[in-house]
Amino acid sequence: MRVFYVLLFLSFAPFLQSNAQSGKEKIKLFDGKTFKGWEGDTISTWRIQNGAIMGGSLTEMVPHNQFIKTTGTFSNYHLRLKFKLTGTEGFINGGVQFHSQRIAEPDFEMVGYQADIGDGFWASLYDESRRNKLLAIADPEKVKKLLHRNEWNNYEVRSEGRRIQIFLNGEQTVDYTEPDPAIPQSGHIAFQLHGGGKTEVFYKDIILEKLP
């Protein structure tokens, strides 16, 4: 009987080890209460509201782009979060920045990839402050069916090697492979509040799962 239990344990050991390792690889990037692990203008732009990182105003125009970024850098991961975007006037837009760095001047800008948020850009891949163009455009008809306008949406970015995938509410909208080996595939994760609009943007439930 003892031999049976030993064999049974050994048969399940790889499964248990795999789950344990998987659990260790998931990182909660935002605790819902503090800006621990984040850097940005937390005095006048970014604040915490109901467990979410929130930026902007529906009554005052945002003068220029603002980003709040992780203090740490990451590569090869599956990032999951929720976002909500609302606005009353002007350019209403935000985004999930990744493999990114701060620009020295102006110091509120960032350079890197962005999973975009906003009309004309939903769930597409933009290259912020570098090539300054959409690298992959989501199907607008697909986005129209998936998007919960002015409500919470699930967003995912999967980055593995030079391959980048974006998912909106569980459906893939982008599958892009970077052709330029000189473009960094690691860096900070950040959230954007775009300038030029009376906009509020919210980000919460931010979980990063490391990939091999």
N, C-alpha and C. Protein backbone atom coordinates (compact mmCIF):
# COMPACT_ATOMS: atom_id res chain seq x y z
N MET A 1 0.83 -1.21 0.00
CA MET A 1 0.00 0.00 0.00
C MET A 1 0.86 1.26 0.00
N ARG A 2 1.94 1.21 0.76
CA ARG A 2 2.83 2.36 0.82
C ARG A 2 3.42 2.66 -0.56
N VAL A 3 3.77 1.61 -1.29
CA VAL A 3 4.32 1.77 -2.63
C VAL A 3 3.30 2.45 -3.54
N PHE A 4 2.02 2.08 -3.37
CA PHE A 4 0.94 2.67 -4.19
C PHE A 4 0.86 4.18 -3.98
N TYR A 5 0.92 4.63 -2.72
CA TYR A 5 0.82 6.06 -2.42
C TYR A 5 2.06 6.82 -2.93
N VAL A 6 3.22 6.18 -2.84
CA VAL A 6 4.43 6.81 -3.36
C VAL A 6 4.31 7.01 -4.86
N LEU A 7 3.83 5.95 -5.55
CA LEU A 7 3.67 6.05 -7.01
C LEU A 7 2.62 7.08 -7.37
N LEU A 8 1.54 7.16 -6.58
CA LEU A 8 0.48 8.13 -6.82
C LEU A 8 1.01 9.54 -6.68
N PHE A 9 1.81 9.78 -5.62
CA PHE A 9 2.38 11.11 -5.41
C PHE A 9 3.31 11.50 -6.55
N LEU A 10 4.16 10.51 -6.98
CA LEU A 10 5.09 10.80 -8.06
C LEU A 10 4.37 11.13 -9.36
N SER A 11 3.23 10.49 -9.58
CA SER A 11 2.49 10.75 -10.81
C SER A 11 1.90 12.15 -10.82
N PHE A 12 1.57 12.69 -9.64
CA PHE A 12 0.99 14.03 -9.56
C PHE A 12 2.04 15.11 -9.31
N ALA A 13 3.24 14.73 -8.95
CA ALA A 13 4.27 15.69 -8.58
C ALA A 13 4.55 16.72 -9.67
N PRO A 14 4.70 16.30 -10.95
CA PRO A 14 4.94 17.33 -11.98
C PRO A 14 3.83 18.35 -12.08
N PHE A 15 2.57 17.88 -11.93
CA PHE A 15 1.41 18.77 -11.99
C PHE A 15 1.44 19.77 -10.84
N LEU A 16 1.73 19.28 -9.62
CA LEU A 16 1.77 20.15 -8.46
C LEU A 16 2.91 21.15 -8.56
N GLN A 17 4.06 20.68 -9.04
CA GLN A 17 5.21 21.57 -9.19
C GLN A 17 4.93 22.64 -10.23
N SER A 18 4.28 22.23 -11.33
CA SER A 18 3.96 23.18 -12.39
C SER A 18 3.03 24.27 -11.89
N ASN A 19 2.00 23.88 -11.11
CA ASN A 19 1.07 24.86 -10.56
C ASN A 19 1.77 25.79 -9.59
N ALA A 20 2.65 25.25 -8.77
CA ALA A 20 3.37 26.08 -7.80
C ALA A 20 4.23 27.10 -8.51
N GLN A 21 4.93 26.62 -9.56
CA GLN A 21 5.78 27.54 -10.30
C GLN A 21 4.94 28.60 -11.00
N SER A 22 3.78 28.17 -11.55
CA SER A 22 2.91 29.11 -12.24
C SER A 22 2.42 30.20 -11.29
N GLY A 23 2.08 29.80 -10.07
CA GLY A 23 1.61 30.76 -9.09
C GLY A 23 2.67 31.80 -8.75
N LYS A 24 3.92 31.38 -8.67
CA LYS A 24 5.01 32.29 -8.33
C LYS A 24 5.28 33.28 -9.46
N GLU A 25 4.92 32.92 -10.67
CA GLU A 25 5.22 33.76 -11.82
C GLU A 25 4.21 34.90 -12.00
N LYS A 26 3.11 34.90 -11.26
CA LYS A 26 2.11 35.96 -11.40
C LYS A 26 2.40 37.09 -10.42
N ILE A 27 2.39 38.30 -10.93
CA ILE A 27 2.72 39.47 -10.13
C ILE A 27 1.55 40.44 -10.15
N LYS A 28 1.09 40.83 -8.98
CA LYS A 28 0.06 41.86 -8.88
C LYS A 28 0.77 43.21 -8.88
N LEU A 29 0.63 43.95 -9.98
CA LEU A 29 1.40 45.18 -10.13
C LEU A 29 0.83 46.36 -9.35
N PHE A 30 -0.45 46.30 -9.00
CA PHE A 30 -1.10 47.42 -8.29
C PHE A 30 -1.92 46.84 -7.15
N ASP A 31 -1.68 47.36 -5.93
CA ASP A 31 -2.36 46.81 -4.75
C ASP A 31 -3.76 47.38 -4.53
N GLY A 32 -4.16 48.35 -5.37
CA GLY A 32 -5.50 48.92 -5.26
C GLY A 32 -5.64 50.01 -4.21
N LYS A 33 -4.55 50.28 -3.46
CA LYS A 33 -4.63 51.23 -2.36
C LYS A 33 -3.54 52.30 -2.38
N THR A 34 -2.36 51.93 -2.90
CA THR A 34 -1.23 52.85 -2.88
C THR A 34 -0.54 52.85 -4.25
N PHE A 35 0.36 53.81 -4.44
CA PHE A 35 1.15 53.88 -5.66
C PHE A 35 2.51 53.19 -5.49
N LYS A 36 2.59 52.26 -4.58
CA LYS A 36 3.83 51.49 -4.39
C LYS A 36 4.17 50.76 -5.69
N GLY A 37 5.39 50.98 -6.18
CA GLY A 37 5.83 50.35 -7.41
C GLY A 37 5.51 51.15 -8.65
N TRP A 38 5.00 52.39 -8.47
CA TRP A 38 4.62 53.23 -9.60
C TRP A 38 5.23 54.63 -9.47
N GLU A 39 5.50 55.26 -10.61
CA GLU A 39 6.04 56.62 -10.64
C GLU A 39 5.27 57.47 -11.64
N GLY A 40 4.93 58.68 -11.23
CA GLY A 40 4.22 59.61 -12.10
C GLY A 40 3.74 60.80 -11.30
N ASP A 41 2.98 61.65 -11.94
CA ASP A 41 2.44 62.84 -11.27
C ASP A 41 1.23 62.44 -10.44
N THR A 42 1.48 62.00 -9.22
CA THR A 42 0.40 61.58 -8.32
C THR A 42 -0.13 62.74 -7.48
N ILE A 43 0.29 63.95 -7.80
CA ILE A 43 -0.20 65.13 -7.08
C ILE A 43 -1.41 65.74 -7.80
N SER A 44 -1.26 65.95 -9.11
CA SER A 44 -2.35 66.63 -9.82
C SER A 44 -2.99 65.81 -10.94
N THR A 45 -2.33 64.73 -11.38
CA THR A 45 -2.87 63.97 -12.51
C THR A 45 -3.46 62.63 -12.11
N TRP A 46 -2.69 61.83 -11.40
CA TRP A 46 -3.10 60.46 -11.08
C TRP A 46 -3.54 60.34 -9.63
N ARG A 47 -4.59 59.58 -9.41
CA ARG A 47 -5.09 59.31 -8.06
C ARG A 47 -5.69 57.91 -8.02
N ILE A 48 -6.02 57.46 -6.84
CA ILE A 48 -6.60 56.12 -6.66
C ILE A 48 -8.06 56.28 -6.28
N GLN A 49 -8.94 55.61 -7.02
CA GLN A 49 -10.37 55.72 -6.79
C GLN A 49 -11.01 54.35 -6.90
N ASN A 50 -11.60 53.89 -5.83
CA ASN A 50 -12.31 52.60 -5.81
C ASN A 50 -11.45 51.46 -6.36
N GLY A 51 -10.20 51.41 -5.90
CA GLY A 51 -9.32 50.32 -6.28
C GLY A 51 -8.72 50.43 -7.67
N ALA A 52 -8.82 51.60 -8.29
CA ALA A 52 -8.30 51.79 -9.64
C ALA A 52 -7.34 52.98 -9.69
N ILE A 53 -6.36 52.92 -10.60
CA ILE A 53 -5.54 54.08 -10.93
C ILE A 53 -6.35 54.93 -11.88
N MET A 54 -6.56 56.19 -11.52
CA MET A 54 -7.45 57.06 -12.29
C MET A 54 -6.74 58.37 -12.60
N GLY A 55 -6.93 58.87 -13.83
CA GLY A 55 -6.33 60.14 -14.20
C GLY A 55 -7.28 60.97 -15.04
N GLY A 56 -7.12 62.29 -14.94
CA GLY A 56 -7.87 63.19 -15.80
C GLY A 56 -9.04 63.87 -15.14
N SER A 57 -9.84 64.56 -15.98
CA SER A 57 -10.97 65.34 -15.52
C SER A 57 -12.00 65.44 -16.64
N LEU A 58 -13.27 65.48 -16.27
CA LEU A 58 -14.34 65.66 -17.25
C LEU A 58 -14.72 67.13 -17.41
N THR A 59 -14.10 68.00 -16.61
CA THR A 59 -14.43 69.43 -16.67
C THR A 59 -13.25 70.30 -17.08
N GLU A 60 -12.03 69.79 -16.94
CA GLU A 60 -10.84 70.56 -17.29
C GLU A 60 -10.05 69.83 -18.37
N MET A 61 -9.59 70.58 -19.37
CA MET A 61 -8.82 70.00 -20.47
C MET A 61 -7.46 69.52 -19.99
N VAL A 62 -7.10 68.30 -20.35
CA VAL A 62 -5.77 67.77 -20.04
C VAL A 62 -4.76 68.46 -20.97
N PRO A 63 -3.78 69.19 -20.44
CA PRO A 63 -2.91 70.01 -21.30
C PRO A 63 -1.97 69.20 -22.19
N HIS A 64 -1.48 68.06 -21.69
CA HIS A 64 -0.55 67.25 -22.48
C HIS A 64 -0.58 65.81 -21.96
N ASN A 65 0.04 64.92 -22.69
CA ASN A 65 0.10 63.52 -22.27
C ASN A 65 0.69 63.39 -20.87
N GLN A 66 0.14 62.41 -20.15
CA GLN A 66 0.71 62.04 -18.86
C GLN A 66 0.78 60.52 -18.79
N PHE A 67 1.85 60.02 -18.17
CA PHE A 67 2.03 58.58 -17.99
C PHE A 67 2.39 58.29 -16.54
N ILE A 68 1.85 57.20 -16.04
CA ILE A 68 2.31 56.66 -14.76
C ILE A 68 2.89 55.29 -15.06
N LYS A 69 4.11 55.03 -14.59
CA LYS A 69 4.83 53.83 -14.99
C LYS A 69 5.27 52.99 -13.80
N THR A 70 5.53 51.72 -14.07
CA THR A 70 6.09 50.84 -13.05
C THR A 70 7.54 51.24 -12.78
N THR A 71 7.97 51.04 -11.55
CA THR A 71 9.38 51.28 -11.23
C THR A 71 10.25 50.17 -11.81
N GLY A 72 9.69 48.97 -11.93
CA GLY A 72 10.42 47.84 -12.47
C GLY A 72 10.26 47.71 -13.97
N THR A 73 11.11 46.90 -14.58
CA THR A 73 11.03 46.61 -16.01
C THR A 73 10.76 45.12 -16.21
N PHE A 74 10.15 44.81 -17.36
CA PHE A 74 9.70 43.44 -17.61
C PHE A 74 9.89 43.07 -19.07
N SER A 75 10.00 41.76 -19.31
CA SER A 75 10.01 41.22 -20.67
C SER A 75 9.37 39.84 -20.64
N ASN A 76 8.85 39.41 -21.79
CA ASN A 76 8.22 38.09 -21.91
C ASN A 76 7.15 37.88 -20.84
N TYR A 77 5.94 38.33 -21.13
CA TYR A 77 4.87 38.22 -20.14
C TYR A 77 3.50 38.27 -20.80
N HIS A 78 2.52 37.93 -19.99
CA HIS A 78 1.11 38.09 -20.36
C HIS A 78 0.51 39.04 -19.33
N LEU A 79 0.16 40.23 -19.78
CA LEU A 79 -0.37 41.27 -18.90
C LEU A 79 -1.88 41.31 -19.04
N ARG A 80 -2.57 41.31 -17.91
CA ARG A 80 -4.03 41.39 -17.89
C ARG A 80 -4.45 42.56 -16.99
N LEU A 81 -5.46 43.29 -17.42
CA LEU A 81 -5.98 44.40 -16.64
C LEU A 81 -7.37 44.76 -17.13
N LYS A 82 -7.99 45.71 -16.43
CA LYS A 82 -9.26 46.28 -16.86
C LYS A 82 -9.10 47.78 -17.03
N PHE A 83 -9.79 48.34 -18.03
CA PHE A 83 -9.74 49.79 -18.23
C PHE A 83 -11.15 50.33 -18.47
N LYS A 84 -11.29 51.62 -18.19
CA LYS A 84 -12.53 52.35 -18.52
C LYS A 84 -12.13 53.74 -18.99
N LEU A 85 -12.71 54.18 -20.11
CA LEU A 85 -12.41 55.49 -20.67
C LEU A 85 -13.70 56.26 -20.87
N THR A 86 -13.74 57.48 -20.34
CA THR A 86 -14.89 58.36 -20.53
C THR A 86 -14.38 59.75 -20.88
N GLY A 87 -15.24 60.58 -21.48
CA GLY A 87 -14.84 61.93 -21.82
C GLY A 87 -16.01 62.75 -22.29
N THR A 88 -15.82 64.06 -22.27
CA THR A 88 -16.90 64.97 -22.65
C THR A 88 -16.53 65.89 -23.81
N GLU A 89 -15.23 66.04 -24.09
CA GLU A 89 -14.83 67.01 -25.11
C GLU A 89 -13.39 66.76 -25.55
N GLY A 90 -13.08 67.03 -26.83
CA GLY A 90 -11.72 66.93 -27.33
C GLY A 90 -11.30 65.52 -27.65
N PHE A 91 -9.99 65.30 -27.60
CA PHE A 91 -9.41 64.00 -27.94
C PHE A 91 -9.44 63.11 -26.71
N ILE A 92 -10.32 62.12 -26.72
CA ILE A 92 -10.54 61.25 -25.55
C ILE A 92 -9.78 59.95 -25.81
N ASN A 93 -8.68 59.75 -25.08
CA ASN A 93 -7.77 58.66 -25.41
C ASN A 93 -6.89 58.30 -24.22
N GLY A 94 -6.50 57.05 -24.18
CA GLY A 94 -5.53 56.56 -23.19
C GLY A 94 -4.75 55.43 -23.82
N GLY A 95 -4.07 54.65 -23.00
CA GLY A 95 -3.33 53.53 -23.56
C GLY A 95 -2.51 52.80 -22.52
N VAL A 96 -2.18 51.56 -22.85
CA VAL A 96 -1.31 50.72 -22.02
C VAL A 96 0.05 50.66 -22.69
N GLN A 97 1.01 51.31 -22.08
CA GLN A 97 2.36 51.39 -22.61
C GLN A 97 3.16 50.19 -22.12
N PHE A 98 4.03 49.63 -22.99
CA PHE A 98 4.87 48.51 -22.54
C PHE A 98 6.18 48.52 -23.33
N HIS A 99 7.20 47.82 -22.77
CA HIS A 99 8.56 47.86 -23.32
C HIS A 99 8.97 49.32 -23.54
N SER A 100 8.77 50.15 -22.53
CA SER A 100 8.88 51.60 -22.69
C SER A 100 9.85 52.23 -21.70
N GLN A 101 10.28 53.46 -22.05
CA GLN A 101 11.17 54.24 -21.20
C GLN A 101 10.68 55.69 -21.16
N ARG A 102 11.01 56.40 -20.08
CA ARG A 102 10.76 57.83 -20.01
C ARG A 102 11.67 58.57 -20.98
N ILE A 103 11.15 59.64 -21.54
CA ILE A 103 11.96 60.53 -22.36
C ILE A 103 12.46 61.66 -21.46
N ALA A 104 13.74 62.01 -21.61
CA ALA A 104 14.32 63.04 -20.74
C ALA A 104 13.61 64.38 -20.91
N GLU A 105 13.37 64.78 -22.13
CA GLU A 105 12.69 66.06 -22.41
C GLU A 105 11.67 65.87 -23.52
N PRO A 106 10.40 66.16 -23.30
CA PRO A 106 9.81 66.50 -22.01
C PRO A 106 9.65 65.26 -21.12
N ASP A 107 9.86 65.42 -19.84
CA ASP A 107 9.94 64.27 -18.94
C ASP A 107 8.60 63.61 -18.65
N PHE A 108 7.50 64.18 -19.18
CA PHE A 108 6.20 63.52 -18.98
C PHE A 108 5.90 62.53 -20.10
N GLU A 109 6.73 62.47 -21.15
CA GLU A 109 6.49 61.57 -22.28
C GLU A 109 7.20 60.23 -22.09
N MET A 110 6.74 59.23 -22.87
CA MET A 110 7.39 57.92 -22.89
C MET A 110 7.55 57.46 -24.33
N VAL A 111 8.51 56.58 -24.52
CA VAL A 111 8.75 55.99 -25.83
C VAL A 111 8.58 54.47 -25.72
N GLY A 112 7.86 53.88 -26.68
CA GLY A 112 7.67 52.44 -26.68
C GLY A 112 6.34 52.05 -27.28
N TYR A 113 6.03 50.77 -27.16
CA TYR A 113 4.76 50.26 -27.70
C TYR A 113 3.59 50.71 -26.84
N GLN A 114 2.43 50.81 -27.47
CA GLN A 114 1.20 51.12 -26.72
C GLN A 114 0.02 50.33 -27.27
N ALA A 115 -0.66 49.63 -26.38
CA ALA A 115 -1.97 49.05 -26.69
C ALA A 115 -2.97 50.18 -26.51
N ASP A 116 -3.46 50.72 -27.62
CA ASP A 116 -4.18 51.99 -27.62
C ASP A 116 -5.61 51.86 -27.14
N ILE A 117 -6.14 52.98 -26.66
CA ILE A 117 -7.51 53.06 -26.14
C ILE A 117 -8.12 54.36 -26.63
N GLY A 118 -9.22 54.29 -27.38
CA GLY A 118 -9.90 55.49 -27.85
C GLY A 118 -10.38 55.34 -29.28
N ASP A 119 -11.33 56.15 -29.66
CA ASP A 119 -11.92 56.06 -31.00
C ASP A 119 -10.86 56.19 -32.09
N GLY A 120 -10.93 55.28 -33.06
CA GLY A 120 -9.96 55.23 -34.14
C GLY A 120 -8.72 54.44 -33.81
N PHE A 121 -8.56 54.06 -32.52
CA PHE A 121 -7.34 53.38 -32.08
C PHE A 121 -7.62 52.16 -31.21
N TRP A 122 -8.86 51.91 -30.85
CA TRP A 122 -9.18 50.84 -29.90
C TRP A 122 -8.44 49.54 -30.25
N ALA A 123 -7.77 48.98 -29.23
CA ALA A 123 -7.17 47.63 -29.30
C ALA A 123 -6.18 47.46 -30.44
N SER A 124 -5.60 48.59 -30.91
CA SER A 124 -4.56 48.56 -31.93
C SER A 124 -3.20 48.78 -31.26
N LEU A 125 -2.14 48.54 -32.02
CA LEU A 125 -0.78 48.68 -31.50
C LEU A 125 -0.15 49.94 -32.09
N TYR A 126 0.21 50.89 -31.22
CA TYR A 126 0.81 52.16 -31.62
C TYR A 126 2.25 52.22 -31.13
N ASP A 127 3.10 52.89 -31.89
CA ASP A 127 4.49 53.08 -31.46
C ASP A 127 4.66 54.53 -31.01
N GLU A 128 4.61 54.72 -29.69
CA GLU A 128 4.60 56.04 -29.07
C GLU A 128 5.98 56.69 -29.08
N SER A 129 6.03 57.93 -29.61
CA SER A 129 7.24 58.78 -29.55
C SER A 129 8.47 58.12 -30.19
N ARG A 130 8.24 57.17 -31.11
CA ARG A 130 9.36 56.52 -31.79
C ARG A 130 9.07 56.54 -33.30
N ARG A 131 8.28 55.61 -33.78
CA ARG A 131 7.86 55.66 -35.19
C ARG A 131 6.57 56.47 -35.36
N ASN A 132 5.89 56.70 -34.22
CA ASN A 132 4.69 57.55 -34.19
C ASN A 132 3.65 57.13 -35.22
N LYS A 133 3.34 55.84 -35.22
CA LYS A 133 2.33 55.33 -36.13
C LYS A 133 1.75 54.03 -35.58
N LEU A 134 0.58 53.65 -36.13
CA LEU A 134 -0.01 52.37 -35.79
C LEU A 134 0.76 51.26 -36.50
N LEU A 135 1.24 50.30 -35.72
CA LEU A 135 1.97 49.16 -36.27
C LEU A 135 1.04 48.04 -36.68
N ALA A 136 -0.10 47.95 -36.01
CA ALA A 136 -1.11 46.94 -36.33
C ALA A 136 -2.47 47.52 -35.94
N ILE A 137 -3.43 47.43 -36.85
CA ILE A 137 -4.74 48.06 -36.65
C ILE A 137 -5.81 47.00 -36.43
N ALA A 138 -6.53 47.14 -35.33
CA ALA A 138 -7.62 46.21 -35.03
C ALA A 138 -8.78 46.43 -36.00
N ASP A 139 -9.48 45.36 -36.32
CA ASP A 139 -10.66 45.42 -37.19
C ASP A 139 -11.74 46.26 -36.49
N PRO A 140 -12.13 47.40 -37.03
CA PRO A 140 -13.10 48.27 -36.35
C PRO A 140 -14.46 47.62 -36.14
N GLU A 141 -14.88 46.75 -37.05
CA GLU A 141 -16.17 46.07 -36.90
C GLU A 141 -16.12 45.07 -35.75
N LYS A 142 -14.99 44.40 -35.62
CA LYS A 142 -14.81 43.47 -34.50
C LYS A 142 -14.79 44.21 -33.18
N VAL A 143 -14.05 45.32 -33.16
CA VAL A 143 -13.96 46.14 -31.94
C VAL A 143 -15.34 46.66 -31.54
N LYS A 144 -16.11 47.08 -32.53
CA LYS A 144 -17.45 47.62 -32.26
C LYS A 144 -18.32 46.61 -31.52
N LYS A 145 -18.18 45.33 -31.87
CA LYS A 145 -18.95 44.28 -31.22
C LYS A 145 -18.42 43.96 -29.82
N LEU A 146 -17.12 44.11 -29.64
CA LEU A 146 -16.48 43.72 -28.38
C LEU A 146 -16.51 44.80 -27.31
N LEU A 147 -16.42 46.05 -27.72
CA LEU A 147 -16.17 47.16 -26.79
C LEU A 147 -17.39 47.48 -25.93
N HIS A 148 -17.13 47.69 -24.63
CA HIS A 148 -18.15 48.20 -23.71
C HIS A 148 -17.85 49.69 -23.50
N ARG A 149 -18.45 50.52 -24.29
CA ARG A 149 -18.14 51.95 -24.27
C ARG A 149 -18.53 52.58 -22.93
N ASN A 150 -17.63 53.36 -22.38
CA ASN A 150 -17.82 54.06 -21.09
C ASN A 150 -17.98 53.10 -19.91
N GLU A 151 -17.64 51.83 -20.11
CA GLU A 151 -17.72 50.82 -19.05
C GLU A 151 -16.36 50.12 -18.94
N TRP A 152 -16.28 49.19 -17.98
CA TRP A 152 -15.04 48.43 -17.81
C TRP A 152 -14.87 47.42 -18.94
N ASN A 153 -13.64 47.30 -19.41
CA ASN A 153 -13.26 46.34 -20.44
C ASN A 153 -12.03 45.57 -19.99
N ASN A 154 -11.94 44.31 -20.39
CA ASN A 154 -10.75 43.51 -20.15
C ASN A 154 -9.75 43.73 -21.27
N TYR A 155 -8.49 43.91 -20.91
CA TYR A 155 -7.43 44.15 -21.88
C TYR A 155 -6.28 43.23 -21.56
N GLU A 156 -5.65 42.68 -22.60
CA GLU A 156 -4.50 41.80 -22.41
C GLU A 156 -3.42 42.15 -23.43
N VAL A 157 -2.18 42.08 -22.97
CA VAL A 157 -1.02 42.21 -23.84
C VAL A 157 -0.14 40.99 -23.58
N ARG A 158 0.11 40.23 -24.63
CA ARG A 158 1.01 39.08 -24.52
C ARG A 158 2.25 39.37 -25.37
N SER A 159 3.40 39.39 -24.74
CA SER A 159 4.66 39.68 -25.42
C SER A 159 5.62 38.52 -25.19
N GLU A 160 6.00 37.88 -26.28
CA GLU A 160 6.89 36.72 -26.20
C GLU A 160 7.90 36.80 -27.33
N GLY A 161 9.17 37.01 -26.97
CA GLY A 161 10.17 37.27 -27.99
C GLY A 161 9.85 38.58 -28.69
N ARG A 162 9.70 38.56 -30.00
CA ARG A 162 9.34 39.77 -30.75
C ARG A 162 7.87 39.72 -31.19
N ARG A 163 7.12 38.75 -30.68
CA ARG A 163 5.70 38.65 -31.04
C ARG A 163 4.84 39.34 -29.99
N ILE A 164 3.91 40.17 -30.45
CA ILE A 164 3.02 40.92 -29.57
C ILE A 164 1.57 40.63 -29.97
N GLN A 165 0.76 40.25 -28.98
CA GLN A 165 -0.67 40.02 -29.20
C GLN A 165 -1.46 40.90 -28.25
N ILE A 166 -2.56 41.45 -28.75
CA ILE A 166 -3.46 42.26 -27.93
C ILE A 166 -4.85 41.62 -27.97
N PHE A 167 -5.50 41.60 -26.80
CA PHE A 167 -6.83 41.01 -26.68
C PHE A 167 -7.77 42.02 -26.01
N LEU A 168 -8.96 42.18 -26.56
CA LEU A 168 -10.00 43.02 -25.98
C LEU A 168 -11.18 42.14 -25.61
N ASN A 169 -11.51 42.12 -24.33
CA ASN A 169 -12.63 41.33 -23.82
C ASN A 169 -12.57 39.89 -24.33
N GLY A 170 -11.35 39.33 -24.26
CA GLY A 170 -11.15 37.92 -24.55
C GLY A 170 -10.91 37.58 -26.01
N GLU A 171 -11.00 38.55 -26.92
CA GLU A 171 -10.82 38.28 -28.34
C GLU A 171 -9.55 38.98 -28.85
N GLN A 172 -8.76 38.24 -29.63
CA GLN A 172 -7.53 38.81 -30.16
C GLN A 172 -7.83 39.86 -31.22
N THR A 173 -7.14 41.01 -31.12
CA THR A 173 -7.31 42.08 -32.09
C THR A 173 -6.02 42.39 -32.84
N VAL A 174 -4.88 41.99 -32.28
CA VAL A 174 -3.57 42.26 -32.89
C VAL A 174 -2.68 41.04 -32.73
N ASP A 175 -1.97 40.70 -33.80
CA ASP A 175 -0.91 39.69 -33.75
C ASP A 175 0.23 40.23 -34.61
N TYR A 176 1.24 40.77 -33.95
CA TYR A 176 2.30 41.52 -34.63
C TYR A 176 3.66 40.96 -34.21
N THR A 177 4.52 40.78 -35.18
CA THR A 177 5.90 40.38 -34.90
C THR A 177 6.82 41.52 -35.33
N GLU A 178 7.62 42.00 -34.39
CA GLU A 178 8.52 43.13 -34.65
C GLU A 178 9.62 42.71 -35.62
N PRO A 179 9.71 43.36 -36.79
CA PRO A 179 10.73 42.98 -37.76
C PRO A 179 12.12 43.56 -37.46
N ASP A 180 12.18 44.59 -36.62
CA ASP A 180 13.43 45.28 -36.35
C ASP A 180 14.06 44.74 -35.06
N PRO A 181 15.16 44.01 -35.14
CA PRO A 181 15.79 43.43 -33.94
C PRO A 181 16.37 44.48 -33.00
N ALA A 182 16.48 45.73 -33.47
CA ALA A 182 17.04 46.80 -32.62
C ALA A 182 16.00 47.39 -31.67
N ILE A 183 14.72 47.11 -31.90
CA ILE A 183 13.66 47.64 -31.03
C ILE A 183 13.63 46.84 -29.73
N PRO A 184 13.77 47.49 -28.58
CA PRO A 184 13.81 46.77 -27.30
C PRO A 184 12.52 45.99 -27.02
N GLN A 185 12.67 44.79 -26.51
CA GLN A 185 11.53 43.96 -26.12
C GLN A 185 11.48 43.80 -24.60
N SER A 186 11.85 44.85 -23.91
CA SER A 186 11.73 44.91 -22.46
C SER A 186 11.63 46.38 -22.06
N GLY A 187 11.15 46.62 -20.85
CA GLY A 187 11.03 47.99 -20.36
C GLY A 187 9.90 48.13 -19.36
N HIS A 188 9.53 49.37 -19.09
CA HIS A 188 8.48 49.65 -18.12
C HIS A 188 7.09 49.41 -18.73
N ILE A 189 6.14 49.14 -17.86
CA ILE A 189 4.72 49.17 -18.20
C ILE A 189 4.18 50.50 -17.68
N ALA A 190 3.33 51.14 -18.45
CA ALA A 190 2.81 52.45 -18.04
C ALA A 190 1.39 52.62 -18.57
N PHE A 191 0.68 53.57 -17.97
CA PHE A 191 -0.67 53.91 -18.42
C PHE A 191 -0.67 55.36 -18.88
N GLN A 192 -1.39 55.61 -19.97
CA GLN A 192 -1.44 56.95 -20.55
C GLN A 192 -2.78 57.62 -20.31
N LEU A 193 -2.71 58.90 -20.02
CA LEU A 193 -3.83 59.84 -20.12
C LEU A 193 -3.42 60.80 -21.23
N HIS A 194 -4.14 60.77 -22.35
CA HIS A 194 -3.74 61.59 -23.50
C HIS A 194 -4.16 63.04 -23.31
N GLY A 195 -3.32 63.96 -23.76
CA GLY A 195 -3.63 65.37 -23.69
C GLY A 195 -4.64 65.79 -24.75
N GLY A 196 -5.25 66.96 -24.53
CA GLY A 196 -6.14 67.53 -25.53
C GLY A 196 -7.59 67.17 -25.38
N GLY A 197 -7.97 66.63 -24.24
CA GLY A 197 -9.37 66.28 -24.04
C GLY A 197 -9.80 66.42 -22.60
N LYS A 198 -11.10 66.52 -22.40
CA LYS A 198 -11.68 66.42 -21.07
C LYS A 198 -11.99 64.93 -20.87
N THR A 199 -11.06 64.27 -20.22
CA THR A 199 -11.01 62.81 -20.22
C THR A 199 -10.76 62.27 -18.82
N GLU A 200 -11.40 61.15 -18.51
CA GLU A 200 -11.06 60.36 -17.34
C GLU A 200 -10.78 58.94 -17.80
N VAL A 201 -9.67 58.38 -17.32
CA VAL A 201 -9.30 57.02 -17.67
C VAL A 201 -8.95 56.26 -16.39
N PHE A 202 -9.37 55.01 -16.34
CA PHE A 202 -9.21 54.17 -15.15
C PHE A 202 -8.53 52.86 -15.54
N TYR A 203 -7.66 52.36 -14.65
CA TYR A 203 -6.99 51.07 -14.85
C TYR A 203 -7.00 50.32 -13.52
N LYS A 204 -7.33 49.03 -13.56
CA LYS A 204 -7.35 48.25 -12.32
C LYS A 204 -7.12 46.75 -12.61
N ASP A 205 -7.03 45.97 -11.53
CA ASP A 205 -6.85 44.51 -11.60
C ASP A 205 -5.69 44.16 -12.54
N ILE A 206 -4.53 44.71 -12.22
CA ILE A 206 -3.36 44.64 -13.12
C ILE A 206 -2.47 43.48 -12.70
N ILE A 207 -2.49 42.41 -13.49
CA ILE A 207 -1.75 41.19 -13.18
C ILE A 207 -0.79 40.87 -14.32
N LEU A 208 0.46 40.62 -13.98
CA LEU A 208 1.47 40.23 -14.97
C LEU A 208 1.89 38.79 -14.70
N GLU A 209 1.80 37.97 -15.72
CA GLU A 209 2.25 36.58 -15.63
C GLU A 209 3.51 36.42 -16.49
N LYS A 210 4.61 36.07 -15.88
CA LYS A 210 5.86 35.90 -16.61
C LYS A 210 5.81 34.66 -17.47
N LEU A 211 6.37 34.78 -18.68
CA LEU A 211 6.48 33.65 -19.58
C LEU A 211 7.91 33.15 -19.59
N PRO A 212 8.13 31.89 -19.93
CA PRO A 212 9.51 31.36 -19.97
C PRO A 212 10.40 32.14 -20.91
